[in-house]
C-alpha atoms as a PDB file:
ATOM      1  CA  MET A   1     216.009 141.255  28.608  1.00  0.00           C
ATOM      2  CA  THR A   2     215.800 138.699  26.011  1.00  0.00           C
ATOM      3  CA  SER A   3     215.393 135.677  28.131  1.00  0.00           C
ATOM      4  CA  ILE A   4     212.578 137.431  30.023  1.00  0.00           C
ATOM      5  CA  TRP A   5     210.631 138.170  26.998  1.00  0.00           C
ATOM      6  CA  LEU A   6     211.270 134.525  25.607  1.00  0.00           C
ATOM      7  CA  THR A   7     210.012 133.189  29.036  1.00  0.00           C
ATOM      8  CA  GLN A   8     206.906 135.448  28.817  1.00  0.00           C
ATOM      9  CA  GLN A   9     206.223 134.142  25.187  1.00  0.00           C
ATOM     10  CA  CYS A  10     206.638 130.474  26.241  1.00  0.00           C
ATOM     11  CA  GLU A  11     204.199 130.946  29.132  1.00  0.00           C
ATOM     12  CA  LEU A  12     201.769 132.869  26.719  1.00  0.00           C
ATOM     13  CA  HIS A  13     201.799 130.188  24.299  1.00  0.00           C
ATOM     14  CA  ARG A  14     201.548 127.326  26.827  1.00  0.00           C
ATOM     15  CA  ASP A  15     198.530 129.343  28.231  1.00  0.00           C
ATOM     16  CA  ILE A  16     196.937 129.552  24.724  1.00  0.00           C
ATOM     17  CA  HIS A  17     197.717 125.880  23.938  1.00  0.00           C
ATOM     18  CA  ALA A  18     195.925 124.800  27.083  1.00  0.00           C
ATOM     19  CA  PHE A  19     193.013 127.083  26.534  1.00  0.00           C
ATOM     20  CA  SER A  20     192.557 126.005  22.873  1.00  0.00           C
ATOM     21  CA  LEU A  21     192.579 122.301  24.121  1.00  0.00           C
ATOM     22  CA  SER A  22     189.840 122.874  26.546  1.00  0.00           C
ATOM     23  CA  HIS A  23     187.815 125.471  24.792  1.00  0.00           C
ATOM     24  CA  PRO A  24     188.125 124.805  21.138  1.00  0.00           C
ATOM     25  CA  HIS A  25     184.926 126.788  20.132  1.00  0.00           C
ATOM     26  CA  SER A  26     186.054 129.647  21.818  1.00  0.00           C
ATOM     27  CA  VAL A  27     189.421 129.796  20.093  1.00  0.00           C
ATOM     28  CA  ALA A  28     187.724 129.078  16.639  1.00  0.00           C
ATOM     29  CA  GLU A  29     185.429 132.124  17.138  1.00  0.00           C
ATOM     30  CA  SER A  30     188.354 134.438  17.583  1.00  0.00           C
ATOM     31  CA  THR A  31     188.878 136.250  14.326  1.00  0.00           C
ATOM     32  CA  HIS A  32     191.402 138.574  16.029  1.00  0.00           C
ATOM     33  CA  MET A  33     194.037 136.018  16.734  1.00  0.00           C
ATOM     34  CA  LYS A  34     196.955 136.222  14.487  1.00  0.00           C
ATOM     35  CA  LEU A  35     197.727 133.812  11.834  1.00  0.00           C
ATOM     36  CA  SER A  36     200.910 132.909  13.589  1.00  0.00           C
ATOM     37  CA  MET A  37     199.095 131.749  16.586  1.00  0.00           C
ATOM     38  CA  ARG A  38     196.461 129.804  14.721  1.00  0.00           C
ATOM     39  CA  ILE A  39     199.227 127.914  12.932  1.00  0.00           C
ATOM     40  CA  ARG A  40     200.959 127.152  16.217  1.00  0.00           C
ATOM     41  CA  ILE A  41     197.765 125.980  17.869  1.00  0.00           C
ATOM     42  CA  ALA A  42     196.890 123.792  14.838  1.00  0.00           C
ATOM     43  CA  ARG A  43     200.480 122.286  15.179  1.00  0.00           C
ATOM     44  CA  GLN A  44     200.086 121.767  18.986  1.00  0.00           C
ATOM     45  CA  ARG A  45     196.646 120.277  18.786  1.00  0.00           C
ATOM     46  CA  ALA A  46     198.215 117.702  16.268  1.00  0.00           C
ATOM     47  CA  ARG A  47     200.771 117.019  18.797  1.00  0.00           C
ATOM     48  CA  MET A  48     203.582 117.804  16.179  1.00  0.00           C
ATOM     49  CA  SER A  49     206.842 119.454  16.666  1.00  0.00           C
ATOM     50  CA  GLN A  50     207.968 122.276  14.230  1.00  0.00           C
ATOM     51  CA  GLU A  51     210.298 119.899  12.657  1.00  0.00           C
ATOM     52  CA  ALA A  52     207.695 117.343  12.073  1.00  0.00           C
ATOM     53  CA  LEU A  53     205.218 119.743  10.598  1.00  0.00           C
ATOM     54  CA  ALA A  54     207.911 121.131   8.366  1.00  0.00           C
ATOM     55  CA  LEU A  55     208.829 117.686   7.034  1.00  0.00           C
ATOM     56  CA  ASN A  56     205.371 117.166   6.230  1.00  0.00           C
ATOM     57  CA  VAL A  57     204.796 120.360   4.596  1.00  0.00           C
ATOM     58  CA  GLY A  58     208.052 120.323   2.595  1.00  0.00           C
ATOM     59  CA  VAL A  59     209.775 123.240   4.242  1.00  0.00           C
ATOM     60  CA  THR A  60     212.308 123.927   6.702  1.00  0.00           C
ATOM     61  CA  ARG A  61     211.838 123.928  10.585  1.00  0.00           C
ATOM     62  CA  SER A  62     212.978 127.697  10.431  1.00  0.00           C
ATOM     63  CA  ALA A  63     210.302 128.301   8.044  1.00  0.00           C
ATOM     64  CA  VAL A  64     207.496 127.070  10.350  1.00  0.00           C
ATOM     65  CA  ALA A  65     209.155 128.909  13.210  1.00  0.00           C
ATOM     66  CA  ASN A  66     208.906 132.006  11.074  1.00  0.00           C
ATOM     67  CA  TRP A  67     205.170 131.602  10.458  1.00  0.00           C
ATOM     68  CA  GLU A  68     204.746 131.062  14.154  1.00  0.00           C
ATOM     69  CA  GLY A  69     206.947 133.984  15.049  1.00  0.00           C
ATOM     70  CA  VAL A  70     205.883 137.396  16.603  1.00  0.00           C
ATOM     71  CA  GLU A  71     206.330 138.928  13.060  1.00  0.00           C
ATOM     72  CA  GLY A  72     204.253 136.188  11.571  1.00  0.00           C
ATOM     73  CA  VAL A  73     205.811 135.575   8.107  1.00  0.00           C
ATOM     74  CA  LEU A  74     202.926 134.448   5.825  1.00  0.00           C
ATOM     75  CA  PRO A  75     203.269 131.124   4.374  1.00  0.00           C
ATOM     76  CA  ALA A  76     201.871 130.569   0.774  1.00  0.00           C
ATOM     77  CA  SER A  77     198.289 129.670   0.386  1.00  0.00           C
ATOM     78  CA  THR A  78     199.076 126.164  -0.829  1.00  0.00           C
ATOM     79  CA  ARG A  79     201.447 125.607   2.066  1.00  0.00           C
ATOM     80  CA  LEU A  80     198.805 126.891   4.605  1.00  0.00           C
ATOM     81  CA  ALA A  81     196.116 124.587   2.977  1.00  0.00           C
ATOM     82  CA  ARG A  82     198.654 121.686   3.564  1.00  0.00           C
ATOM     83  CA  VAL A  83     199.165 122.756   7.143  1.00  0.00           C
ATOM     84  CA  ALA A  84     195.316 122.523   7.571  1.00  0.00           C
ATOM     85  CA  GLU A  85     195.342 119.052   6.088  1.00  0.00           C
ATOM     86  CA  ILE A  86     198.085 117.635   8.150  1.00  0.00           C
ATOM     87  CA  THR A  87     196.819 119.105  11.285  1.00  0.00           C
ATOM     88  CA  ASN A  88     193.325 118.265  10.477  1.00  0.00           C
ATOM     89  CA  VAL A  89     191.831 121.763  11.093  1.00  0.00           C
ATOM     90  CA  ASN A  90     189.358 123.709   9.009  1.00  0.00           C
ATOM     91  CA  PHE A  91     191.134 125.647   6.586  1.00  0.00           C
ATOM     92  CA  GLU A  92     189.037 128.645   6.725  1.00  0.00           C
ATOM     93  CA  TRP A  93     189.683 128.842  10.415  1.00  0.00           C
ATOM     94  CA  LEU A  94     193.493 128.505   9.887  1.00  0.00           C
ATOM     95  CA  ALA A  95     193.560 131.072   7.177  1.00  0.00           C
ATOM     96  CA  THR A  96     190.970 133.738   8.629  1.00  0.00           C
ATOM     97  CA  GLY A  97     190.044 132.662  12.160  1.00  0.00           C
ATOM     98  CA  ARG A  98     186.399 132.298  11.167  1.00  0.00           C
ATOM     99  CA  GLY A  99     184.495 129.125  11.337  1.00  0.00           C
ATOM    100  CA  PRO A 100     185.068 125.969  13.529  1.00  0.00           C
ATOM    101  CA  ILE A 101     188.596 124.909  14.183  1.00  0.00           C
ATOM    102  CA  ASN A 102     187.836 121.155  13.830  1.00  0.00           C
ATOM    103  CA  HIS A 103     187.848 120.026  10.255  1.00  0.00           C
ATOM    104  CA  ALA A 104     184.015 118.869   9.795  1.00  0.00           C
ATOM    105  CA  GLY A 105     184.142 115.945   7.408  1.00  0.00           C
ATOM    106  CA  GLY A 106     181.055 115.466   5.583  1.00  0.00           C
ATOM    107  CA  THR A 107     180.123 113.686   2.549  1.00  0.00           C
ATOM    108  CA  ASP A 108     181.272 116.649   0.531  1.00  0.00           C
ATOM    109  CA  ASP A 109     184.708 116.249   1.897  1.00  0.00           C
ATOM    110  CA  THR A 110     185.309 112.649   0.988  1.00  0.00           C
ATOM    111  CA  PRO A 111     188.915 112.439  -0.437  1.00  0.00           C
ATOM    112  CA  ALA A 112     189.247 111.180  -3.989  1.00  0.00           C
ATOM    113  CA  VAL A 113     192.170 109.252  -5.412  1.00  0.00           C
ATOM    114  CA  GLU A 114     192.386 109.251  -9.169  1.00  0.00           C
ATOM    115  CA  SER A 115     188.803 110.140  -9.336  1.00  0.00           C
ATOM    116  CA  GLU A 116     187.677 107.260  -7.198  1.00  0.00           C
ATOM    117  CA  ILE A 117     185.667 108.194  -4.059  1.00  0.00           C
ATOM    118  CA  VAL A 118     187.226 106.721  -0.708  1.00  0.00           C
ATOM    119  CA  TYR A 119     184.391 105.446   1.460  1.00  0.00           C
ATOM    120  CA  ASP A 120     186.216 102.688   3.214  1.00  0.00           C
ATOM    121  CA  GLU A 121     187.257 103.943   6.539  1.00  0.00           C
ATOM    122  CA  LEU A 122     190.538 102.016   6.553  1.00  0.00           C
ATOM    123  CA  GLU A 123     191.271 103.279   3.126  1.00  0.00           C
ATOM    124  CA  ARG A 124     190.568 106.854   4.484  1.00  0.00           C
ATOM    125  CA  ARG A 125     192.717 106.410   7.583  1.00  0.00           C
ATOM    126  CA  LEU A 126     195.549 104.921   5.393  1.00  0.00           C
ATOM    127  CA  LEU A 127     195.325 107.997   3.039  1.00  0.00           C
ATOM    128  CA  GLN A 128     195.460 110.369   5.866  1.00  0.00           C
ATOM    129  CA  ALA A 129     198.430 108.578   7.485  1.00  0.00           C
ATOM    130  CA  PHE A 130     200.032 108.779   3.980  1.00  0.00           C
ATOM    131  CA  ARG A 131     199.582 112.435   3.602  1.00  0.00           C
ATOM    132  CA  ARG A 132     201.298 112.961   7.033  1.00  0.00           C
ATOM    133  CA  MET A 133     204.485 111.086   5.918  1.00  0.00           C
ATOM    134  CA  THR A 134     207.606 112.302   4.929  1.00  0.00           C
ATOM    135  CA  PRO A 135     208.389 112.035   1.069  1.00  0.00           C
ATOM    136  CA  ASP A 136     211.123 109.304   1.884  1.00  0.00           C
ATOM    137  CA  ALA A 137     208.528 107.528   4.067  1.00  0.00           C
ATOM    138  CA  ARG A 138     205.986 107.692   1.303  1.00  0.00           C
ATOM    139  CA  ILE A 139     208.178 106.236  -1.117  1.00  0.00           C
ATOM    140  CA  GLN A 140     209.243 103.258   1.256  1.00  0.00           C
ATOM    141  CA  THR A 141     205.662 102.620   2.124  1.00  0.00           C
ATOM    142  CA  ILE A 142     204.811 102.245  -1.562  1.00  0.00           C
ATOM    143  CA  LEU A 143     207.568 100.003  -2.233  1.00  0.00           C
ATOM    144  CA  ASN A 144     206.753  97.901   0.701  1.00  0.00           C
ATOM    145  CA  SER A 145     203.171  97.779  -0.351  1.00  0.00           C
ATOM    146  CA  GLU A 146     203.964  96.806  -3.642  1.00  0.00           C
ATOM    147  CA  ALA A 147     206.443  94.080  -2.475  1.00  0.00           C
ATOM    148  CA  PHE A 148     203.698  92.721  -0.387  1.00  0.00           C
ATOM    149  CA  THR A 149     201.140  92.774  -2.996  1.00  0.00           C
ATOM    150  CA  GLU A 150     203.502  91.004  -5.368  1.00  0.00           C
ATOM    151  CA  ARG A 151     204.187  88.184  -2.756  1.00  0.00           C
ATOM    152  CA  ALA A 152     200.367  87.820  -2.179  1.00  0.00           C
ATOM    153  CA  HIS A 153     199.540  87.811  -5.849  1.00  0.00           C
ATOM    154  CA  PRO A 154     202.483  86.717  -7.872  1.00  0.00           C
ATOM    155  CA  THR A 155     200.815  87.198 -11.229  1.00  0.00           C
ATOM    156  CA  GLY A 156     202.414  90.445 -11.688  1.00  0.00           C
ATOM    157  CA  ASN A 157     199.250  92.614 -10.568  1.00  0.00           C
ATOM    158  CA  ALA A 158     201.334  94.786  -8.054  1.00  0.00           C
ATOM    159  CA  LEU A 159     200.742  98.294  -8.353  1.00  0.00           C
ATOM    160  CA  ARG A 160     203.329 100.305 -10.568  1.00  0.00           C
END
């Protein structure tokens, strides 16, 4: 009985995933879809495993599995915002099912770093990649960048 139910759930999720990739606006307009399914769709559209999403959000894989489960355990709003950021979906769509699924980055959505506006596309891409990293990868990236900066400019102007 359990294996039949599990097979049906896998087929349902596969079909919804395929539909969401080919009809993103139809999925986005569905406010009746459960939060658990929207989280799963966002994760799958970002081509992330539950474990990868968990590492980026700072929770366990089982927490992500619980969010996506049939019972749909609700994540804290800060974690839900992080999921939207990591998977690059619109927070309103993820939280409520309303609005477009894709995050529409406009001038009002320009990320700021220490009150500095980020206009450079390469800097923006670096910031987005950094936000998707695990905490350990972030630290290693900063250390590598500081070491590189120190070698390039040995005057002690490396970021600290």
